[in-house]
Amino acid sequence: MNDLNQEVMSLIWSEDLRVQEVRRLLQSSHPVRVNVVQMPEVSDHEYIEEKENRLLQLCQRTMALPVGRGMFTLFSHHPVPTEPLPIPKLNLTGRAPPRNTTVDLNSGNIDVPPNMACWASFHNGVAAGLKIAPASQIDSAWIVYNKPKNAELANEYAGFLMALGLNGHLTKLATLNIHDYLTKGHEMTSIGLLLGVSAAKLGTMDISITRLLSIHIPALLPPTSTELDVPHNVQVAAVIGIGMVYQGTAHRHIAEVLLAEIGRPPGPEMEYCTDRESYSLAAGLALGMVCLG
């Protein structure tokens, strides 16, 4: 958030510190303050659990910060081609006064949702990518250069790819690199990439992107084709992607396929009812985009 033009900001809001306050509220790289008073009747073990439960509540706020940061810093950064894009850390730990002891959610004292920070990290990457200005000089080599070596940051990079599609830069990613990302089998990267390339080709009916998305949608494959093991969430992303690529075109075949997919009965690949609902919802949204206007 240091990329914002301070001179312009001071001219617009010269009488208060609202910009500094917004920046302070949206920072997510520092541990949050966990204020819990230990009552006399509460044991040390129960007190630790109280602090962790309080931290779990505060984490909901921390994980929502990237959405606000993405709006606050939109198109404010011109990256240097020789340097990776800095992505603010999403810190889900806390500090408890008065001794400033560390509080985290890895102790096993309380139940924590599995993969709780998965989508939050994805959104953090989206927020970082959205701050890149449309006129920035970006090429395929720079996009690949930003790929983290640490596997823990893969979800953030997936969101970063989606953001590049939203601001029109993902069209510069080479086809070979797209194939490489998809063959790695990382679910979040596939989701971010498919949504990104679709957003970059909004309403164009691009044949190459249609073929790429069709591989992940069984309904668009020929009857004699080999059945692929595509994760459910990737299928949902591909369906939304088809809707974006054919947005406003009223393409008859795509519309008929999406209409049929809304009511398609769940197959063996859909283990839970929620999976069925998310796929139907995606097909409905995609159909609406195709028939838009």
Protein backbone atom coordinates (compact mmCIF):
# COMPACT_ATOMS: atom_id res chain seq x y z
CA MET A 1 0.00 0.00 0.00
CA ASN A 2 3.05 2.25 -0.16
CA ASP A 3 2.55 2.67 -3.92
CA LEU A 4 -0.22 5.24 -3.47
CA ASN A 5 0.66 8.75 -4.58
CA GLN A 6 1.01 10.62 -1.30
CA GLU A 7 1.06 14.06 -2.95
CA VAL A 8 -2.27 13.44 -4.67
CA MET A 9 -3.75 11.95 -1.51
CA SER A 10 -2.72 14.98 0.54
CA LEU A 11 -4.43 17.28 -1.96
CA ILE A 12 -7.69 15.34 -1.92
CA TRP A 13 -7.81 14.82 1.85
CA SER A 14 -5.68 17.58 3.31
CA GLU A 15 -7.52 18.13 6.57
CA ASP A 16 -7.48 14.69 8.18
CA LEU A 17 -5.66 11.38 8.34
CA ARG A 18 -8.31 9.14 6.79
CA VAL A 19 -5.93 7.60 4.23
CA GLN A 20 -3.43 6.66 6.92
CA GLU A 21 -6.24 5.19 9.00
CA VAL A 22 -7.55 3.09 6.10
CA ARG A 23 -4.02 1.86 5.43
CA ARG A 24 -3.66 0.90 9.09
CA LEU A 25 -6.98 -0.94 9.13
CA LEU A 26 -6.17 -2.91 5.96
CA GLN A 27 -2.69 -4.11 6.96
CA SER A 28 -2.61 -7.87 7.55
CA SER A 29 1.09 -8.63 8.03
CA HIS A 30 1.25 -8.06 11.80
CA PRO A 31 -0.17 -10.29 14.55
CA VAL A 32 -3.53 -9.12 15.90
CA ARG A 33 -3.96 -8.10 19.52
CA VAL A 34 -5.84 -10.73 21.54
CA ASN A 35 -7.32 -9.11 24.65
CA VAL A 36 -8.82 -11.72 26.98
CA VAL A 37 -9.01 -11.19 30.75
CA GLN A 38 -8.41 -14.31 32.86
CA MET A 39 -11.09 -14.58 35.52
CA PRO A 40 -10.17 -16.09 38.92
CA GLU A 41 -12.30 -19.19 38.37
CA VAL A 42 -10.78 -19.92 34.92
CA SER A 43 -7.92 -22.41 34.75
CA ASP A 44 -4.81 -21.80 32.66
CA HIS A 45 -5.88 -24.40 30.10
CA GLU A 46 -9.34 -22.84 29.73
CA TYR A 47 -7.72 -19.41 29.48
CA ILE A 48 -5.55 -20.59 26.59
CA GLU A 49 -8.64 -21.96 24.85
CA GLU A 50 -10.43 -18.64 25.35
CA LYS A 51 -7.55 -16.77 23.74
CA GLU A 52 -7.47 -19.15 20.79
CA ASN A 53 -11.24 -18.90 20.32
CA ARG A 54 -10.92 -15.13 20.37
CA LEU A 55 -8.11 -15.33 17.81
CA LEU A 56 -10.27 -17.55 15.60
CA GLN A 57 -12.93 -14.82 15.60
CA LEU A 58 -10.36 -12.13 14.80
CA CYS A 59 -9.03 -14.25 11.93
CA GLN A 60 -12.38 -13.88 10.17
CA ARG A 61 -11.70 -10.16 9.99
CA THR A 62 -8.08 -10.63 8.93
CA MET A 63 -9.07 -12.99 6.12
CA ALA A 64 -11.55 -10.40 4.79
CA LEU A 65 -8.94 -7.62 4.59
CA PRO A 66 -7.62 -8.53 1.09
CA VAL A 67 -11.01 -7.65 -0.43
CA GLY A 68 -10.81 -4.11 0.93
CA ARG A 69 -7.12 -3.81 0.09
CA GLY A 70 -7.83 -4.80 -3.49
CA MET A 71 -10.29 -1.92 -3.85
CA PHE A 72 -8.06 0.55 -1.98
CA THR A 73 -4.95 -0.08 -4.10
CA LEU A 74 -6.65 -0.78 -7.46
CA PHE A 75 -4.38 0.11 -10.44
CA SER A 76 -1.93 1.98 -8.18
CA HIS A 77 1.29 0.08 -8.92
CA HIS A 78 3.65 -0.06 -11.92
CA PRO A 79 5.85 -3.13 -11.33
CA VAL A 80 9.54 -3.22 -12.18
CA PRO A 81 10.20 -6.02 -14.74
CA THR A 82 13.26 -7.23 -12.82
CA GLU A 83 11.53 -7.47 -9.45
CA PRO A 84 8.70 -9.75 -8.25
CA LEU A 85 5.43 -8.20 -7.14
CA PRO A 86 5.34 -7.87 -3.33
CA ILE A 87 2.35 -9.61 -1.78
CA PRO A 88 1.50 -8.60 1.81
CA LYS A 89 1.60 -11.47 4.27
CA LEU A 90 -1.67 -12.76 5.70
CA ASN A 91 -0.74 -13.21 9.38
CA LEU A 92 -3.21 -15.36 11.33
CA THR A 93 -1.37 -15.29 14.66
CA GLY A 94 -1.95 -13.03 17.64
CA ARG A 95 -0.22 -11.38 20.58
CA ALA A 96 -1.70 -11.48 24.07
CA PRO A 97 -0.87 -8.68 26.54
CA PRO A 98 0.66 -7.97 28.99
CA ARG A 99 3.56 -10.34 28.22
CA ASN A 100 3.01 -10.15 24.47
CA THR A 101 2.90 -13.95 24.22
CA THR A 102 2.21 -15.54 20.85
CA VAL A 103 -1.23 -17.06 20.24
CA ASP A 104 -1.79 -19.36 17.26
CA LEU A 105 -4.30 -21.93 16.07
CA ASN A 106 -1.91 -24.86 15.65
CA SER A 107 -1.94 -26.12 19.24
CA GLY A 108 -4.93 -28.42 18.75
CA ASN A 109 -6.79 -27.03 21.78
CA ILE A 110 -9.75 -25.88 19.66
CA ASP A 111 -11.40 -27.11 16.48
CA VAL A 112 -10.19 -25.12 13.47
CA PRO A 113 -11.81 -25.55 10.03
CA PRO A 114 -9.52 -27.48 7.67
CA ASN A 115 -7.80 -25.34 5.04
CA MET A 116 -9.29 -22.27 6.68
CA ALA A 117 -6.87 -19.85 5.04
CA CYS A 118 -7.03 -21.44 1.57
CA TRP A 119 -9.45 -18.99 -0.04
CA ALA A 120 -8.19 -16.09 2.07
CA SER A 121 -4.72 -16.61 0.59
CA PHE A 122 -6.27 -16.78 -2.88
CA HIS A 123 -8.04 -13.45 -2.30
CA ASN A 124 -4.79 -12.00 -0.97
CA GLY A 125 -3.16 -12.84 -4.28
CA VAL A 126 -6.07 -11.34 -6.22
CA ALA A 127 -5.75 -8.09 -4.25
CA ALA A 128 -2.03 -7.93 -5.00
CA GLY A 129 -2.56 -8.52 -8.71
CA LEU A 130 -5.34 -5.95 -9.01
CA LYS A 131 -3.05 -3.12 -7.93
CA ILE A 132 -1.08 -3.49 -11.19
CA ALA A 133 -1.95 -0.62 -13.51
CA PRO A 134 -3.32 -1.53 -16.99
CA ALA A 135 -0.52 0.37 -18.75
CA SER A 136 2.23 -1.63 -17.02
CA GLN A 137 4.83 -3.39 -19.17
CA ILE A 138 4.28 -7.06 -18.34
CA ASP A 139 5.33 -10.12 -20.31
CA SER A 140 5.11 -13.89 -19.91
CA ALA A 141 8.58 -14.15 -18.39
CA TRP A 142 7.66 -11.73 -15.59
CA ILE A 143 4.46 -13.62 -14.79
CA VAL A 144 6.39 -16.89 -14.49
CA TYR A 145 9.14 -15.10 -12.54
CA ASN A 146 6.60 -14.31 -9.82
CA LYS A 147 5.81 -17.98 -9.23
CA PRO A 148 6.85 -18.71 -5.62
CA LYS A 149 9.27 -21.48 -4.77
CA ASN A 150 7.45 -22.03 -1.47
CA ALA A 151 4.47 -24.36 -1.96
CA GLU A 152 2.63 -22.62 0.89
CA LEU A 153 2.29 -19.51 -1.31
CA ALA A 154 0.78 -21.39 -4.26
CA ASN A 155 -2.76 -20.27 -3.39
CA GLU A 156 -1.70 -16.62 -3.41
CA TYR A 157 -0.08 -17.08 -6.81
CA ALA A 158 -3.31 -18.66 -8.08
CA GLY A 159 -5.21 -15.53 -7.06
CA PHE A 160 -2.48 -13.41 -8.64
CA LEU A 161 -3.06 -15.19 -11.98
CA MET A 162 -6.78 -14.54 -11.77
CA ALA A 163 -6.17 -10.84 -11.07
CA LEU A 164 -3.90 -10.59 -14.12
CA GLY A 165 -6.81 -11.87 -16.17
CA LEU A 166 -9.19 -9.33 -14.65
CA ASN A 167 -6.93 -6.40 -15.56
CA GLY A 168 -6.08 -7.79 -19.01
CA HIS A 169 -2.46 -8.85 -18.52
CA LEU A 170 -2.92 -12.63 -18.62
CA THR A 171 -3.23 -12.60 -22.42
CA LYS A 172 0.57 -12.20 -22.47
CA LEU A 173 1.13 -15.54 -20.73
CA ALA A 174 2.53 -18.05 -23.23
CA THR A 175 0.42 -21.10 -24.13
CA LEU A 176 3.27 -23.37 -23.04
CA ASN A 177 3.19 -21.83 -19.56
CA ILE A 178 -0.59 -22.21 -19.35
CA HIS A 179 -0.25 -25.90 -20.19
CA ASP A 180 2.53 -26.27 -17.63
CA TYR A 181 0.42 -24.73 -14.84
CA LEU A 182 -2.60 -26.90 -15.62
CA THR A 183 -0.61 -30.14 -15.77
CA LYS A 184 0.84 -29.53 -12.30
CA GLY A 185 -2.51 -30.58 -10.85
CA HIS A 186 -2.70 -27.79 -8.24
CA GLU A 187 -6.42 -27.15 -7.87
CA MET A 188 -6.33 -23.48 -6.85
CA THR A 189 -3.85 -22.61 -9.61
CA SER A 190 -6.12 -24.26 -12.18
CA ILE A 191 -9.12 -22.32 -10.84
CA GLY A 192 -7.32 -18.98 -10.89
CA LEU A 193 -5.84 -19.58 -14.32
CA LEU A 194 -9.09 -20.70 -15.97
CA LEU A 195 -11.03 -17.77 -14.52
CA GLY A 196 -8.22 -15.39 -15.44
CA VAL A 197 -7.87 -16.39 -19.10
CA SER A 198 -11.67 -16.35 -19.44
CA ALA A 199 -11.95 -12.85 -18.00
CA ALA A 200 -9.19 -11.67 -20.32
CA LYS A 201 -11.21 -12.97 -23.32
CA LEU A 202 -14.59 -11.70 -22.14
CA GLY A 203 -17.26 -12.00 -24.83
CA THR A 204 -14.79 -12.89 -27.60
CA MET A 205 -15.81 -16.54 -28.26
CA ASP A 206 -12.09 -17.27 -28.51
CA ILE A 207 -11.60 -20.77 -29.94
CA SER A 208 -8.35 -21.60 -28.14
CA ILE A 209 -9.77 -20.63 -24.73
CA THR A 210 -12.98 -22.53 -25.50
CA ARG A 211 -10.94 -25.67 -26.18
CA LEU A 212 -8.98 -25.13 -22.98
CA LEU A 213 -12.16 -24.82 -20.91
CA SER A 214 -13.92 -27.70 -22.69
CA ILE A 215 -11.24 -30.12 -21.47
CA HIS A 216 -12.49 -29.43 -17.93
CA ILE A 217 -16.22 -29.67 -18.74
CA PRO A 218 -17.39 -33.22 -19.57
CA ALA A 219 -20.57 -31.94 -21.23
CA LEU A 220 -18.53 -30.14 -23.90
CA LEU A 221 -16.35 -33.14 -24.74
CA PRO A 222 -17.17 -35.56 -27.59
CA PRO A 223 -18.96 -38.75 -26.47
CA THR A 224 -15.99 -40.90 -27.49
CA SER A 225 -13.39 -38.83 -25.65
CA THR A 226 -11.42 -40.16 -22.71
CA GLU A 227 -12.98 -39.28 -19.36
CA LEU A 228 -10.64 -37.08 -17.35
CA ASP A 229 -10.44 -36.87 -13.58
CA VAL A 230 -11.12 -33.15 -13.15
CA PRO A 231 -11.66 -31.82 -9.59
CA HIS A 232 -15.16 -30.54 -8.97
CA ASN A 233 -14.12 -26.97 -8.15
CA VAL A 234 -12.11 -26.79 -11.36
CA GLN A 235 -15.19 -27.89 -13.32
CA VAL A 236 -17.19 -25.11 -11.65
CA ALA A 237 -14.52 -22.55 -12.57
CA ALA A 238 -14.47 -23.80 -16.17
CA VAL A 239 -18.27 -23.47 -16.45
CA ILE A 240 -18.10 -19.88 -15.20
CA GLY A 241 -15.25 -19.31 -17.64
CA ILE A 242 -17.36 -20.49 -20.59
CA GLY A 243 -20.03 -18.02 -19.52
CA MET A 244 -17.50 -15.18 -19.56
CA VAL A 245 -15.93 -16.10 -22.91
CA TYR A 246 -19.40 -16.26 -24.53
CA GLN A 247 -20.91 -13.38 -22.58
CA GLY A 248 -23.59 -11.53 -24.51
CA THR A 249 -23.23 -13.72 -27.62
CA ALA A 250 -26.42 -15.81 -27.25
CA HIS A 251 -24.49 -18.76 -28.70
CA ARG A 252 -27.09 -21.49 -29.19
CA HIS A 253 -24.97 -24.59 -28.58
CA ILE A 254 -23.28 -23.21 -25.46
CA ALA A 255 -26.64 -22.03 -24.10
CA GLU A 256 -28.22 -25.46 -24.66
CA VAL A 257 -25.34 -27.25 -22.93
CA LEU A 258 -25.45 -24.92 -19.93
CA LEU A 259 -29.22 -25.25 -19.68
CA ALA A 260 -28.89 -29.03 -19.60
CA GLU A 261 -26.14 -28.80 -16.98
CA ILE A 262 -28.38 -26.87 -14.59
CA GLY A 263 -30.62 -29.90 -14.17
CA ARG A 264 -28.04 -32.63 -14.67
CA PRO A 265 -28.40 -35.29 -11.96
CA PRO A 266 -25.36 -35.73 -9.71
CA GLY A 267 -22.92 -38.38 -10.85
CA PRO A 268 -20.38 -40.39 -8.84
CA GLU A 269 -17.89 -37.50 -9.01
CA MET A 270 -20.21 -35.36 -6.87
CA GLU A 271 -19.94 -36.78 -3.38
CA TYR A 272 -22.08 -34.22 -1.57
CA CYS A 273 -25.27 -32.32 -2.28
CA THR A 274 -23.42 -29.02 -1.92
CA ASP A 275 -21.21 -30.03 -4.86
CA ARG A 276 -24.30 -30.51 -7.01
CA GLU A 277 -25.71 -27.14 -5.98
CA SER A 278 -22.49 -25.23 -6.69
CA TYR A 279 -22.24 -26.74 -10.17
CA SER A 280 -25.88 -25.95 -10.97
CA LEU A 281 -25.44 -22.40 -9.70
CA ALA A 282 -22.34 -21.94 -11.86
CA ALA A 283 -24.18 -23.28 -14.92
CA GLY A 284 -27.07 -20.90 -14.24
CA LEU A 285 -24.77 -17.90 -13.89
CA ALA A 286 -22.91 -18.88 -17.06
CA LEU A 287 -26.18 -19.27 -18.99
CA GLY A 288 -27.24 -15.83 -17.82
CA MET A 289 -23.96 -14.34 -19.05
CA VAL A 290 -24.27 -16.03 -22.45
CA CYS A 291 -27.82 -14.74 -22.91
CA LEU A 292 -27.04 -11.31 -21.48
CA GLY A 293 -28.52 -8.48 -23.51
